[in-house]
Amino acid sequence: MADLIHEAIDRPPSPSAAAASVPEGFEPEDAGWPELLAAGDVVTDDAVADYLRRLARYDLLTAEQEVELAQEIEAGLFAEQLLVNGTSPPGRDIGELRTIVLLGDRAADALLNANLRLVVSIAKHYTHRGLDFLDLIQEGNLGLHRAVCKFDFTKGFRFSTLATLCIRQAITRALADQARLIRLPVNVVEQLQRVRSAQRKAAMTGTVCSKEDLCQLTDNSVGKVEYLLTLDKPICSLDSQVPDGRGGTEALAERLLDPSAPDATDSLFRQQLKAQAHAVLDTLEEREAEVIALRFGITGGEGKSLDAVAKALGMSREGIRRIEVKAMEKLREPSRSNVLRQYHFDRESSFGEDPAPAEKA
């Protein structure tokens, strides 16, 4: 590795790395729109065309150039590590190490920029799957950057071999994570894609695959294929319009509404009322609380008549009436009624003389 550092210092940067240097007048950390505008780029409403036009400035690399850039990248990484550790090879100062680090960064930029068009060519195969084309390119660029960091020139293969794998992996993972409103695990998305791919190939030959055929082509059970196909159904907005059966349309939410279902607000109101009512009943005597709970259905169910309560407690109707009157007088006291006032529970409409169904004379 020390030989690589010495060689990097003694030789000028490769033409590709030199081309990646920043324009005159800019600091090394400057990038983005200021640099692009300074280079004379024209910005239009077509972002894809603008991006592709900027890619044309970068030339493709030969195998020898890729090796040269990879060597400079490796030397730069090693020099950076030496700077972090506070050590340097004999006869070399910190300034030379920093130069090597800068050359390595520029070489990495050159290797990445020369392969940006590869990302575009791969991203074209993943359009119409839930992500915008530029988003696919951006995710592919992240995969390309990962390939630059992992490239090992000593193995003897071209950089595009590793880059293609990393770009496809980055794009497919982004599709799995971002393309759906309801995220599916990556392995499930891959299985679903195999099923859909088998269907598309069969459609190109003019045949229709049955579920049994898909099982054989994808090596899955019938139940698994059916499950995967249910996951690929489109998600509809509740505001989308659907036929109402009368020649018009209505919102899907109206079609899904169950008129017999309890109202959520009313259900919450009753739960809160029940909790407060139990708290107030705990301040009464046990028999009084029991009579009020049965009369008004606080413990659950419908309110009971005086006769029903008397029968349940083994008392006379008149005895139950007197206990109820006494308990109601206590409940109307401010210390108790103020707790339930927000629920209008202290009104005569709720606490009448006999809220239960009318009894026979």
Protein backbone atom coordinates (compact mmCIF):
# COMPACT_ATOMS: atom_id res chain seq x y z
CA MET A 1 0.00 0.00 0.00
CA ALA A 2 2.88 2.37 0.70
CA ASP A 3 4.03 1.81 -2.89
CA LEU A 4 0.62 2.97 -4.11
CA ILE A 5 0.97 6.15 -2.08
CA HIS A 6 4.45 6.83 -3.43
CA GLU A 7 3.23 6.19 -6.97
CA ALA A 8 0.21 8.44 -6.50
CA ILE A 9 2.44 11.29 -5.35
CA ASP A 10 5.02 10.90 -8.09
CA ARG A 11 2.58 10.64 -11.03
CA PRO A 12 0.03 13.27 -12.13
CA PRO A 13 -3.66 12.47 -11.61
CA SER A 14 -5.33 10.45 -14.33
CA PRO A 15 -7.20 12.44 -17.00
CA SER A 16 -10.54 11.14 -15.72
CA ALA A 17 -9.78 12.23 -12.18
CA ALA A 18 -8.54 15.60 -13.38
CA ALA A 19 -11.79 16.11 -15.28
CA ALA A 20 -13.67 15.60 -12.05
CA SER A 21 -11.95 18.54 -10.36
CA VAL A 22 -14.01 21.56 -9.44
CA PRO A 23 -14.13 24.69 -11.66
CA GLU A 24 -11.73 27.53 -11.05
CA GLY A 25 -12.99 29.93 -8.41
CA PHE A 26 -14.86 27.27 -6.42
CA GLU A 27 -13.81 25.66 -3.18
CA PRO A 28 -13.58 21.83 -3.16
CA GLU A 29 -16.71 21.57 -1.03
CA ASP A 30 -18.76 23.63 -3.49
CA ALA A 31 -21.10 21.54 -5.64
CA GLY A 32 -24.59 21.42 -7.04
CA TRP A 33 -26.41 24.22 -8.88
CA PRO A 34 -23.74 26.97 -8.57
CA GLU A 35 -21.22 24.72 -10.32
CA LEU A 36 -23.70 23.63 -12.97
CA LEU A 37 -24.73 27.18 -13.79
CA ALA A 38 -21.11 28.27 -13.95
CA ALA A 39 -20.49 25.51 -16.48
CA GLY A 40 -23.14 27.00 -18.75
CA ASP A 41 -25.86 24.37 -18.27
CA VAL A 42 -29.36 25.36 -19.34
CA VAL A 43 -32.15 24.49 -16.92
CA THR A 44 -35.52 23.68 -18.51
CA ASP A 45 -38.85 22.28 -17.30
CA ASP A 46 -37.81 18.77 -18.38
CA ALA A 47 -35.69 17.54 -15.46
CA VAL A 48 -34.95 14.19 -17.11
CA ALA A 49 -33.66 15.83 -20.31
CA ASP A 50 -31.53 18.26 -18.25
CA TYR A 51 -30.02 15.38 -16.33
CA LEU A 52 -29.25 13.31 -19.43
CA ARG A 53 -27.69 16.32 -21.12
CA ARG A 54 -25.34 16.80 -18.17
CA LEU A 55 -24.31 13.15 -18.33
CA ALA A 56 -23.04 13.61 -21.89
CA ARG A 57 -20.02 15.53 -20.59
CA TYR A 58 -18.57 12.38 -18.97
CA ASP A 59 -16.68 9.97 -21.22
CA LEU A 60 -16.82 6.21 -20.79
CA LEU A 61 -13.75 4.53 -19.29
CA THR A 62 -11.52 1.80 -20.61
CA ALA A 63 -10.52 -1.13 -18.42
CA GLU A 64 -7.08 0.43 -17.90
CA GLN A 65 -8.59 3.73 -16.79
CA GLU A 66 -10.84 1.94 -14.31
CA VAL A 67 -7.80 0.24 -12.76
CA GLU A 68 -5.92 3.57 -12.53
CA LEU A 69 -8.85 5.24 -10.81
CA ALA A 70 -9.34 2.30 -8.46
CA GLN A 71 -5.68 2.47 -7.48
CA GLU A 72 -5.96 6.18 -6.71
CA ILE A 73 -9.13 5.56 -4.69
CA GLU A 74 -7.42 2.85 -2.65
CA ALA A 75 -4.32 5.01 -2.08
CA GLY A 76 -6.57 7.89 -0.98
CA LEU A 77 -8.42 5.70 1.51
CA PHE A 78 -5.14 4.44 2.95
CA ALA A 79 -3.72 7.95 3.19
CA GLU A 80 -6.89 9.11 4.94
CA GLN A 81 -6.51 6.31 7.47
CA LEU A 82 -2.90 7.36 8.11
CA LEU A 83 -4.06 10.92 8.75
CA VAL A 84 -6.68 9.70 11.19
CA ASN A 85 -4.08 7.61 13.04
CA GLY A 86 -1.56 10.47 13.01
CA THR A 87 1.13 8.48 11.20
CA SER A 88 2.83 8.88 7.84
CA PRO A 89 5.41 6.89 5.76
CA PRO A 90 9.07 7.91 6.10
CA GLY A 91 9.91 10.94 4.01
CA ARG A 92 6.28 11.98 3.48
CA ASP A 93 4.58 14.90 5.22
CA ILE A 94 0.94 15.54 6.04
CA GLY A 95 0.50 17.82 3.04
CA GLU A 96 1.38 15.00 0.63
CA LEU A 97 -1.08 12.67 2.37
CA ARG A 98 -3.82 15.25 2.04
CA THR A 99 -3.02 15.57 -1.66
CA ILE A 100 -3.40 11.80 -2.06
CA VAL A 101 -6.75 11.91 -0.23
CA LEU A 102 -7.95 14.67 -2.57
CA LEU A 103 -6.80 12.71 -5.62
CA GLY A 104 -8.62 9.65 -4.31
CA ASP A 105 -11.83 11.62 -3.86
CA ARG A 106 -11.58 13.00 -7.39
CA ALA A 107 -10.89 9.53 -8.77
CA ALA A 108 -14.01 8.21 -7.01
CA ASP A 109 -16.04 11.07 -8.51
CA ALA A 110 -14.63 10.31 -11.96
CA LEU A 111 -15.45 6.59 -11.69
CA LEU A 112 -18.95 7.36 -10.49
CA ASN A 113 -19.69 10.07 -13.09
CA ALA A 114 -18.48 7.90 -15.97
CA ASN A 115 -21.07 5.24 -15.05
CA LEU A 116 -24.12 7.43 -14.38
CA ARG A 117 -25.53 6.51 -17.78
CA LEU A 118 -25.47 2.86 -16.72
CA VAL A 119 -27.89 3.78 -13.93
CA VAL A 120 -30.27 5.40 -16.41
CA SER A 121 -30.23 2.38 -18.72
CA ILE A 122 -31.05 0.03 -15.82
CA ALA A 123 -33.68 2.32 -14.27
CA LYS A 124 -35.65 2.29 -17.56
CA HIS A 125 -36.55 -1.35 -16.92
CA TYR A 126 -38.26 -0.50 -13.59
CA THR A 127 -40.62 2.29 -14.65
CA HIS A 128 -44.39 2.15 -14.02
CA ARG A 129 -43.91 0.21 -10.80
CA GLY A 130 -44.76 2.92 -8.30
CA LEU A 131 -41.74 5.26 -8.37
CA ASP A 132 -40.98 8.23 -10.62
CA PHE A 133 -38.20 7.76 -13.16
CA LEU A 134 -35.97 10.34 -11.48
CA ASP A 135 -36.51 8.65 -8.13
CA LEU A 136 -35.41 5.37 -9.67
CA ILE A 137 -32.28 7.07 -11.01
CA GLN A 138 -31.52 8.57 -7.62
CA GLU A 139 -31.83 5.20 -5.90
CA GLY A 140 -29.68 3.64 -8.62
CA ASN A 141 -27.05 6.33 -8.08
CA LEU A 142 -26.88 5.32 -4.42
CA GLY A 143 -26.24 1.76 -5.54
CA LEU A 144 -23.56 3.00 -7.94
CA HIS A 145 -21.85 4.85 -5.10
CA ARG A 146 -21.85 1.64 -3.09
CA ALA A 147 -20.21 -0.15 -6.02
CA VAL A 148 -17.47 2.51 -6.18
CA CYS A 149 -16.74 1.91 -2.50
CA LYS A 150 -16.64 -1.89 -2.93
CA PHE A 151 -14.78 -2.20 -6.26
CA ASP A 152 -11.67 -4.36 -6.07
CA PHE A 153 -9.56 -3.96 -9.21
CA THR A 154 -7.34 -6.91 -8.26
CA LYS A 155 -10.10 -9.41 -9.08
CA GLY A 156 -9.76 -8.68 -12.80
CA PHE A 157 -13.39 -7.94 -13.75
CA ARG A 158 -14.81 -4.70 -15.14
CA PHE A 159 -16.40 -2.19 -12.81
CA SER A 160 -19.74 -2.39 -14.64
CA THR A 161 -20.15 -6.01 -13.50
CA LEU A 162 -20.28 -5.00 -9.84
CA ALA A 163 -22.09 -1.72 -10.57
CA THR A 164 -24.96 -3.43 -12.40
CA LEU A 165 -25.57 -5.74 -9.45
CA CYS A 166 -25.49 -2.90 -6.88
CA ILE A 167 -27.70 -0.62 -8.99
CA ARG A 168 -30.37 -3.27 -9.49
CA GLN A 169 -30.28 -4.18 -5.82
CA ALA A 170 -30.72 -0.55 -4.77
CA ILE A 171 -33.61 0.05 -7.17
CA THR A 172 -35.50 -3.13 -6.31
CA ARG A 173 -35.14 -2.48 -2.59
CA ALA A 174 -36.41 1.08 -3.06
CA LEU A 175 -39.42 -0.24 -4.97
CA ALA A 176 -40.15 -2.68 -2.18
CA ASP A 177 -39.83 0.00 0.51
CA GLN A 178 -41.45 3.01 -1.18
CA ALA A 179 -43.64 2.03 -4.13
CA ARG A 180 -46.63 0.82 -2.09
CA LEU A 181 -48.85 2.64 0.37
CA ILE A 182 -48.72 -0.52 2.49
CA ARG A 183 -45.16 -1.79 2.59
CA LEU A 184 -44.51 -5.47 1.89
CA PRO A 185 -41.37 -7.33 3.00
CA VAL A 186 -38.67 -7.45 0.34
CA ASN A 187 -38.82 -11.25 0.02
CA VAL A 188 -42.60 -11.11 -0.49
CA VAL A 189 -42.20 -8.46 -3.20
CA GLU A 190 -39.63 -10.64 -4.97
CA GLN A 191 -41.99 -13.64 -4.88
CA LEU A 192 -44.84 -11.50 -6.20
CA GLN A 193 -42.64 -10.19 -9.02
CA ARG A 194 -41.82 -13.77 -10.07
CA VAL A 195 -45.53 -14.56 -10.26
CA ARG A 196 -46.27 -11.42 -12.28
CA SER A 197 -43.27 -12.09 -14.54
CA ALA A 198 -44.60 -15.57 -15.29
CA GLN A 199 -47.99 -14.07 -16.17
CA ARG A 200 -46.42 -11.49 -18.50
CA LYS A 201 -44.31 -14.09 -20.30
CA ALA A 202 -47.38 -16.27 -20.81
CA ALA A 203 -49.38 -13.29 -22.10
CA MET A 204 -46.67 -12.56 -24.70
CA THR A 205 -47.21 -16.04 -26.12
CA GLY A 206 -50.98 -15.57 -26.18
CA THR A 207 -51.74 -17.99 -23.34
CA VAL A 208 -53.36 -17.45 -19.96
CA CYS A 209 -51.71 -19.03 -16.95
CA SER A 210 -53.95 -20.82 -14.49
CA LYS A 211 -53.06 -20.86 -10.82
CA GLU A 212 -51.76 -24.39 -11.23
CA ASP A 213 -49.48 -23.25 -14.08
CA LEU A 214 -48.17 -20.39 -11.94
CA CYS A 215 -47.45 -22.85 -9.14
CA GLN A 216 -45.25 -24.90 -11.46
CA LEU A 217 -43.50 -21.88 -12.98
CA THR A 218 -42.75 -20.22 -9.62
CA ASP A 219 -42.34 -23.37 -7.50
CA ASN A 220 -45.06 -22.30 -5.05
CA SER A 221 -48.18 -23.91 -3.68
CA VAL A 222 -51.65 -22.89 -4.88
CA GLY A 223 -52.37 -21.25 -1.56
CA LYS A 224 -49.16 -19.22 -1.73
CA VAL A 225 -49.90 -18.02 -5.27
CA GLU A 226 -53.44 -16.99 -4.29
CA TYR A 227 -52.06 -15.14 -1.26
CA LEU A 228 -49.47 -13.28 -3.35
CA LEU A 229 -52.06 -12.22 -5.92
CA THR A 230 -54.33 -10.79 -3.21
CA LEU A 231 -51.43 -8.59 -2.05
CA ASP A 232 -51.16 -6.99 -5.49
CA LYS A 233 -54.68 -5.57 -5.58
CA PRO A 234 -54.84 -1.77 -6.06
CA ILE A 235 -55.60 0.46 -3.09
CA CYS A 236 -58.63 2.70 -3.66
CA SER A 237 -59.28 6.08 -2.11
CA LEU A 238 -62.38 6.38 0.06
CA ASP A 239 -63.21 9.51 -1.97
CA SER A 240 -63.14 7.69 -5.31
CA GLN A 241 -66.47 7.64 -7.13
CA VAL A 242 -68.29 4.35 -7.73
CA PRO A 243 -71.71 3.59 -9.32
CA ASP A 244 -74.56 3.99 -6.84
CA GLY A 245 -76.91 1.61 -8.66
CA ARG A 246 -79.28 4.44 -9.60
CA GLY A 247 -77.47 5.75 -12.65
CA GLY A 248 -75.22 8.09 -10.66
CA THR A 249 -72.07 7.86 -8.58
CA GLU A 250 -71.20 8.15 -4.92
CA ALA A 251 -68.06 8.11 -2.79
CA LEU A 252 -66.69 4.68 -1.97
CA ALA A 253 -66.84 5.61 1.74
CA GLU A 254 -70.63 5.92 1.45
CA ARG A 255 -70.85 2.45 -0.05
CA LEU A 256 -68.75 0.97 2.75
CA LEU A 257 -70.69 2.74 5.51
CA ASP A 258 -72.74 0.36 7.68
CA PRO A 259 -75.89 2.20 8.82
CA SER A 260 -76.40 -0.29 11.64
CA ALA A 261 -72.89 0.17 13.03
CA PRO A 262 -72.71 2.20 16.26
CA ASP A 263 -71.42 5.73 15.93
CA ALA A 264 -67.87 6.00 17.26
CA THR A 265 -68.52 9.35 18.96
CA ASP A 266 -71.70 8.05 20.60
CA SER A 267 -69.87 4.91 21.73
CA LEU A 268 -67.09 6.98 23.35
CA PHE A 269 -69.69 9.24 24.97
CA ARG A 270 -71.45 6.25 26.51
CA GLN A 271 -68.19 4.77 27.78
CA GLN A 272 -67.25 8.01 29.51
CA LEU A 273 -70.76 8.40 30.90
CA LYS A 274 -70.72 4.86 32.23
CA ALA A 275 -67.37 5.41 33.97
CA GLN A 276 -68.56 8.67 35.59
CA ALA A 277 -71.91 7.12 36.56
CA HIS A 278 -70.14 4.25 38.33
CA ALA A 279 -67.96 6.77 40.18
CA VAL A 280 -71.09 8.63 41.38
CA LEU A 281 -72.92 5.42 42.32
CA ASP A 282 -70.01 4.48 44.55
CA THR A 283 -70.99 7.45 46.76
CA LEU A 284 -74.47 5.98 47.41
CA GLU A 285 -75.44 3.20 49.76
CA GLU A 286 -75.08 -0.27 48.30
CA ARG A 287 -78.85 -0.90 47.90
CA GLU A 288 -79.43 2.55 46.40
CA ALA A 289 -76.64 2.07 43.88
CA GLU A 290 -77.99 -1.34 42.96
CA VAL A 291 -81.52 -0.02 42.35
CA ILE A 292 -80.32 2.93 40.22
CA ALA A 293 -78.00 0.69 38.20
CA LEU A 294 -80.84 -1.73 37.38
CA ARG A 295 -83.40 0.99 36.69
CA PHE A 296 -81.23 2.85 34.17
CA GLY A 297 -79.21 -0.05 32.74
CA ILE A 298 -75.91 1.33 33.96
CA THR A 299 -74.51 -2.15 34.54
CA GLY A 300 -75.42 -3.13 30.96
CA GLY A 301 -78.54 -3.86 29.02
CA GLU A 302 -81.83 -1.96 29.01
CA GLY A 303 -83.28 -0.13 31.98
CA LYS A 304 -85.76 -2.25 34.00
CA SER A 305 -89.23 -1.40 35.25
CA LEU A 306 -90.02 -1.09 38.94
CA ASP A 307 -91.67 -4.51 38.89
CA ALA A 308 -88.65 -6.12 37.22
CA VAL A 309 -86.24 -4.54 39.71
CA ALA A 310 -88.45 -5.57 42.64
CA LYS A 311 -88.53 -9.14 41.38
CA ALA A 312 -84.77 -9.21 40.84
CA LEU A 313 -84.01 -7.92 44.34
CA GLY A 314 -86.83 -9.78 46.11
CA MET A 315 -88.54 -6.59 47.31
CA SER A 316 -91.90 -4.92 46.81
CA ARG A 317 -92.52 -2.43 44.03
CA GLU A 318 -93.22 0.34 46.55
CA GLY A 319 -90.00 -0.38 48.41
CA ILE A 320 -88.00 -0.07 45.19
CA ARG A 321 -89.77 3.20 44.34
CA ARG A 322 -88.90 4.73 47.72
CA ILE A 323 -85.24 3.71 47.43
CA GLU A 324 -85.11 5.20 43.95
CA VAL A 325 -86.65 8.51 45.07
CA LYS A 326 -84.16 8.78 47.94
CA ALA A 327 -81.23 7.94 45.67
CA MET A 328 -82.34 10.46 43.05
CA GLU A 329 -82.48 13.21 45.67
CA LYS A 330 -78.86 12.43 46.57
CA LEU A 331 -77.81 12.39 42.92
CA ARG A 332 -79.29 15.86 42.40
CA GLU A 333 -77.02 17.29 45.07
CA PRO A 334 -74.38 19.60 43.45
CA SER A 335 -71.48 17.52 44.75
CA ARG A 336 -72.73 14.61 42.66
CA SER A 337 -74.74 16.16 39.84
CA ASN A 338 -71.93 18.49 38.71
CA VAL A 339 -69.86 15.44 37.76
CA LEU A 340 -72.55 14.29 35.33
CA ARG A 341 -73.80 17.69 34.21
CA GLN A 342 -71.60 17.67 31.10
CA TYR A 343 -73.46 14.55 29.96
CA HIS A 344 -76.89 16.10 30.66
CA PHE A 345 -77.43 13.16 32.96
CA ASP A 346 -79.07 15.23 35.69
CA ARG A 347 -81.97 16.45 33.55
CA GLU A 348 -85.50 15.24 33.96
CA SER A 349 -85.32 13.80 30.44
CA SER A 350 -82.71 11.37 31.70
CA PHE A 351 -83.71 11.01 35.33
CA GLY A 352 -87.47 11.02 35.16
CA GLU A 353 -89.80 9.32 37.59
CA ASP A 354 -89.95 6.19 35.49
CA PRO A 355 -87.55 6.09 32.48
CA ALA A 356 -88.28 2.42 31.94
CA PRO A 357 -91.00 1.29 29.52
CA ALA A 358 -94.50 2.22 30.58
CA GLU A 359 -96.03 -0.28 33.00
CA LYS A 360 -99.52 -1.54 33.12
CA ALA A 361 -101.80 0.17 35.63
